[in-house]
């Protein structure tokens, strides 16, 4: 039996401040131990933008005003028996930094602001890397 019976919706907040992008190091699968855009799952009754703000604050301590959708993708991961382990539809939004000091929380083991040179030395989630290259011309 599949570990998930239906796709889940996830959101991400793309925050840039002083020429640096905010990333978190994931503490849990999928993308465990990889750097990624802060975000997480949508809760029942929550709008996409509300989820984005909540996840950003929980994972990083940063408050931001969520703007428009900039990137959408899906992640389907299978276990060794070819059953679906994770199926996420992820929607990433621009978010304008308002306030806060970056501090890892919730399912982030680390958090930080990174410029394009720093990113080249990091283990970045492939979906985040694609977003940084294609949409932000940042990598």
C-alpha atoms as a PDB file:
ATOM      1  CA  UNK A   1       0.000   0.000   0.000  1.00  0.00           C
ATOM      2  CA  UNK A   2       1.227   3.506  -0.802  1.00  0.00           C
ATOM      3  CA  UNK A   3       2.462   5.669   2.059  1.00  0.00           C
ATOM      4  CA  UNK A   4       0.317   8.511   0.666  1.00  0.00           C
ATOM      5  CA  UNK A   5      -3.080   7.919  -0.909  1.00  0.00           C
ATOM      6  CA  UNK A   6      -3.304  11.290  -2.682  1.00  0.00           C
ATOM      7  CA  UNK A   7      -0.999  14.186  -3.624  1.00  0.00           C
ATOM      8  CA  UNK A   8      -0.355  16.855  -1.006  1.00  0.00           C
ATOM      9  CA  UNK A   9      -0.021  20.578  -1.663  1.00  0.00           C
ATOM     10  CA  UNK A  10       3.109  22.347  -0.502  1.00  0.00           C
ATOM     11  CA  UNK A  11       4.122  25.999  -0.639  1.00  0.00           C
ATOM     12  CA  UNK A  12       7.448  27.802  -0.579  1.00  0.00           C
ATOM     13  CA  UNK A  13       8.512  31.388   0.102  1.00  0.00           C
ATOM     14  CA  UNK A  14      11.251  32.863  -2.083  1.00  0.00           C
ATOM     15  CA  UNK A  15      12.788  35.690  -0.054  1.00  0.00           C
ATOM     16  CA  UNK A  16      15.741  37.769  -1.259  1.00  0.00           C
ATOM     17  CA  UNK A  17      17.394  40.402   0.924  1.00  0.00           C
ATOM     18  CA  UNK A  18      20.557  42.373   0.160  1.00  0.00           C
ATOM     19  CA  UNK A  19      21.307  40.189  -2.869  1.00  0.00           C
ATOM     20  CA  UNK A  20      21.018  36.949  -0.899  1.00  0.00           C
ATOM     21  CA  UNK A  21      18.355  34.235  -0.993  1.00  0.00           C
ATOM     22  CA  UNK A  22      16.946  32.656   2.168  1.00  0.00           C
ATOM     23  CA  UNK A  23      17.341  28.856   2.292  1.00  0.00           C
ATOM     24  CA  UNK A  24      16.784  26.145   4.893  1.00  0.00           C
ATOM     25  CA  UNK A  25      18.539  22.825   5.323  1.00  0.00           C
ATOM     26  CA  UNK A  26      15.796  20.198   5.513  1.00  0.00           C
ATOM     27  CA  UNK A  27      15.674  18.054   8.645  1.00  0.00           C
ATOM     28  CA  UNK A  28      13.155  15.516   7.274  1.00  0.00           C
ATOM     29  CA  UNK A  29      12.400  13.703   3.992  1.00  0.00           C
ATOM     30  CA  UNK A  30      11.893  14.465   1.225  1.00  0.00           C
ATOM     31  CA  UNK A  31      15.096  16.422   0.541  1.00  0.00           C
ATOM     32  CA  UNK A  32      16.539  15.636   3.980  1.00  0.00           C
ATOM     33  CA  UNK A  33      19.935  17.354   4.525  1.00  0.00           C
ATOM     34  CA  UNK A  34      19.578  19.423   1.342  1.00  0.00           C
ATOM     35  CA  UNK A  35      19.179  23.176   1.123  1.00  0.00           C
ATOM     36  CA  UNK A  36      15.807  24.356  -0.175  1.00  0.00           C
ATOM     37  CA  UNK A  37      13.329  27.214  -0.259  1.00  0.00           C
ATOM     38  CA  UNK A  38      11.514  27.466   3.114  1.00  0.00           C
ATOM     39  CA  UNK A  39       8.046  25.993   2.986  1.00  0.00           C
ATOM     40  CA  UNK A  40       5.763  23.113   3.809  1.00  0.00           C
ATOM     41  CA  UNK A  41       2.288  21.663   3.556  1.00  0.00           C
ATOM     42  CA  UNK A  42      -0.982  23.494   3.221  1.00  0.00           C
ATOM     43  CA  UNK A  43      -3.388  22.976   6.145  1.00  0.00           C
ATOM     44  CA  UNK A  44      -7.136  22.534   5.698  1.00  0.00           C
ATOM     45  CA  UNK A  45      -8.890  25.922   5.496  1.00  0.00           C
ATOM     46  CA  UNK A  46      -5.644  27.832   4.960  1.00  0.00           C
ATOM     47  CA  UNK A  47      -5.016  29.908   1.844  1.00  0.00           C
ATOM     48  CA  UNK A  48      -1.820  29.334  -0.121  1.00  0.00           C
ATOM     49  CA  UNK A  49      -0.423  32.699   0.974  1.00  0.00           C
ATOM     50  CA  UNK A  50      -1.324  32.083   4.631  1.00  0.00           C
ATOM     51  CA  UNK A  51       0.444  28.720   4.491  1.00  0.00           C
ATOM     52  CA  UNK A  52       3.468  30.363   2.921  1.00  0.00           C
ATOM     53  CA  UNK A  53       3.676  32.997   5.677  1.00  0.00           C
ATOM     54  CA  UNK A  54       3.177  30.402   8.430  1.00  0.00           C
ATOM     55  CA  UNK A  55       5.778  27.982   7.087  1.00  0.00           C
ATOM     56  CA  UNK A  56       8.307  30.762   6.542  1.00  0.00           C
ATOM     57  CA  UNK A  57       7.895  31.988  10.125  1.00  0.00           C
ATOM     58  CA  UNK A  58       7.970  28.453  11.610  1.00  0.00           C
ATOM     59  CA  UNK A  59      11.098  27.391   9.727  1.00  0.00           C
ATOM     60  CA  UNK A  60      13.099  30.622   9.728  1.00  0.00           C
ATOM     61  CA  UNK A  61      11.692  33.215  12.143  1.00  0.00           C
ATOM     62  CA  UNK A  62      11.295  35.592   9.183  1.00  0.00           C
ATOM     63  CA  UNK A  63       8.122  37.577   8.464  1.00  0.00           C
ATOM     64  CA  UNK A  64       7.386  38.466   4.852  1.00  0.00           C
ATOM     65  CA  UNK A  65       4.563  39.685   2.647  1.00  0.00           C
ATOM     66  CA  UNK A  66       3.719  36.917   0.192  1.00  0.00           C
ATOM     67  CA  UNK A  67       3.287  38.084  -3.392  1.00  0.00           C
ATOM     68  CA  UNK A  68       2.653  36.267  -6.685  1.00  0.00           C
ATOM     69  CA  UNK A  69       3.230  32.646  -7.655  1.00  0.00           C
ATOM     70  CA  UNK A  70       6.540  32.241  -9.485  1.00  0.00           C
ATOM     71  CA  UNK A  71       7.147  28.507  -9.792  1.00  0.00           C
ATOM     72  CA  UNK A  72       5.141  25.276  -9.678  1.00  0.00           C
ATOM     73  CA  UNK A  73       6.394  21.693  -9.788  1.00  0.00           C
ATOM     74  CA  UNK A  74       5.648  18.226  -8.476  1.00  0.00           C
ATOM     75  CA  UNK A  75       7.723  15.700  -6.594  1.00  0.00           C
ATOM     76  CA  UNK A  76       6.930  11.995  -6.839  1.00  0.00           C
ATOM     77  CA  UNK A  77       9.232   9.720  -4.863  1.00  0.00           C
ATOM     78  CA  UNK A  78       8.896   5.935  -4.811  1.00  0.00           C
ATOM     79  CA  UNK A  79      10.140   3.375  -2.304  1.00  0.00           C
ATOM     80  CA  UNK A  80      12.227   0.314  -3.329  1.00  0.00           C
ATOM     81  CA  UNK A  81       8.983  -1.608  -4.068  1.00  0.00           C
ATOM     82  CA  UNK A  82       7.978   1.117  -6.560  1.00  0.00           C
ATOM     83  CA  UNK A  83       5.145   2.311  -4.323  1.00  0.00           C
ATOM     84  CA  UNK A  84       4.629   6.036  -4.016  1.00  0.00           C
ATOM     85  CA  UNK A  85       6.296   7.340  -0.881  1.00  0.00           C
ATOM     86  CA  UNK A  86       5.695  11.073  -1.471  1.00  0.00           C
ATOM     87  CA  UNK A  87       3.655  12.978  -4.017  1.00  0.00           C
ATOM     88  CA  UNK A  88       3.703  16.742  -3.590  1.00  0.00           C
ATOM     89  CA  UNK A  89       2.532  19.579  -5.785  1.00  0.00           C
ATOM     90  CA  UNK A  90       4.689  22.554  -4.741  1.00  0.00           C
ATOM     91  CA  UNK A  91       3.831  26.203  -5.372  1.00  0.00           C
ATOM     92  CA  UNK A  92       6.592  28.754  -4.730  1.00  0.00           C
ATOM     93  CA  UNK A  93       5.736  32.422  -4.177  1.00  0.00           C
ATOM     94  CA  UNK A  94       7.763  35.625  -4.114  1.00  0.00           C
ATOM     95  CA  UNK A  95       7.808  37.019  -0.585  1.00  0.00           C
ATOM     96  CA  UNK A  96       9.015  40.491   0.413  1.00  0.00           C
ATOM     97  CA  UNK A  97      11.120  40.480   3.588  1.00  0.00           C
ATOM     98  CA  UNK A  98       9.494  42.445   6.426  1.00  0.00           C
ATOM     99  CA  UNK A  99      11.379  41.579   9.617  1.00  0.00           C
ATOM    100  CA  UNK A 100      13.069  38.942  11.726  1.00  0.00           C
ATOM    101  CA  UNK A 101      16.420  37.271  12.268  1.00  0.00           C
ATOM    102  CA  UNK A 102      16.952  33.960  10.503  1.00  0.00           C
ATOM    103  CA  UNK A 103      16.915  31.078  13.004  1.00  0.00           C
ATOM    104  CA  UNK A 104      16.254  27.406  12.224  1.00  0.00           C
ATOM    105  CA  UNK A 105      12.970  26.066  13.533  1.00  0.00           C
ATOM    106  CA  UNK A 106      10.358  23.375  12.875  1.00  0.00           C
ATOM    107  CA  UNK A 107      11.778  20.943  10.270  1.00  0.00           C
ATOM    108  CA  UNK A 108      14.798  23.072   9.313  1.00  0.00           C
ATOM    109  CA  UNK A 109      18.162  22.083  10.811  1.00  0.00           C
ATOM    110  CA  UNK A 110      19.898  25.229   9.506  1.00  0.00           C
ATOM    111  CA  UNK A 111      18.890  28.485   7.855  1.00  0.00           C
ATOM    112  CA  UNK A 112      20.804  31.255   6.152  1.00  0.00           C
ATOM    113  CA  UNK A 113      21.084  33.967   3.529  1.00  0.00           C
ATOM    114  CA  UNK A 114      23.257  32.971   0.552  1.00  0.00           C
ATOM    115  CA  UNK A 115      24.651  34.768  -2.482  1.00  0.00           C
ATOM    116  CA  UNK A 116      25.242  33.080  -5.839  1.00  0.00           C
ATOM    117  CA  UNK A 117      28.898  32.273  -5.057  1.00  0.00           C
ATOM    118  CA  UNK A 118      28.014  30.535  -1.784  1.00  0.00           C
ATOM    119  CA  UNK A 119      25.304  28.475  -3.508  1.00  0.00           C
ATOM    120  CA  UNK A 120      27.851  26.811  -5.805  1.00  0.00           C
ATOM    121  CA  UNK A 121      29.433  25.050  -2.809  1.00  0.00           C
ATOM    122  CA  UNK A 122      26.193  23.772  -1.270  1.00  0.00           C
ATOM    123  CA  UNK A 123      24.093  20.602  -1.592  1.00  0.00           C
ATOM    124  CA  UNK A 124      20.956  22.224  -2.959  1.00  0.00           C
ATOM    125  CA  UNK A 125      17.744  20.365  -3.686  1.00  0.00           C
ATOM    126  CA  UNK A 126      17.453  19.932  -7.497  1.00  0.00           C
ATOM    127  CA  UNK A 127      14.060  21.682  -7.620  1.00  0.00           C
ATOM    128  CA  UNK A 128      15.428  24.660  -5.703  1.00  0.00           C
ATOM    129  CA  UNK A 129      18.488  24.722  -7.953  1.00  0.00           C
ATOM    130  CA  UNK A 130      16.235  24.811 -11.029  1.00  0.00           C
ATOM    131  CA  UNK A 131      14.194  27.669  -9.542  1.00  0.00           C
ATOM    132  CA  UNK A 132      17.355  29.619  -8.691  1.00  0.00           C
ATOM    133  CA  UNK A 133      18.744  29.152 -12.213  1.00  0.00           C
ATOM    134  CA  UNK A 134      15.647  29.556 -14.379  1.00  0.00           C
ATOM    135  CA  UNK A 135      13.460  32.008 -12.511  1.00  0.00           C
ATOM    136  CA  UNK A 136      15.937  34.032 -10.468  1.00  0.00           C
ATOM    137  CA  UNK A 137      19.083  33.795 -12.638  1.00  0.00           C
ATOM    138  CA  UNK A 138      20.756  33.419  -9.250  1.00  0.00           C
ATOM    139  CA  UNK A 139      22.895  30.310  -9.549  1.00  0.00           C
END
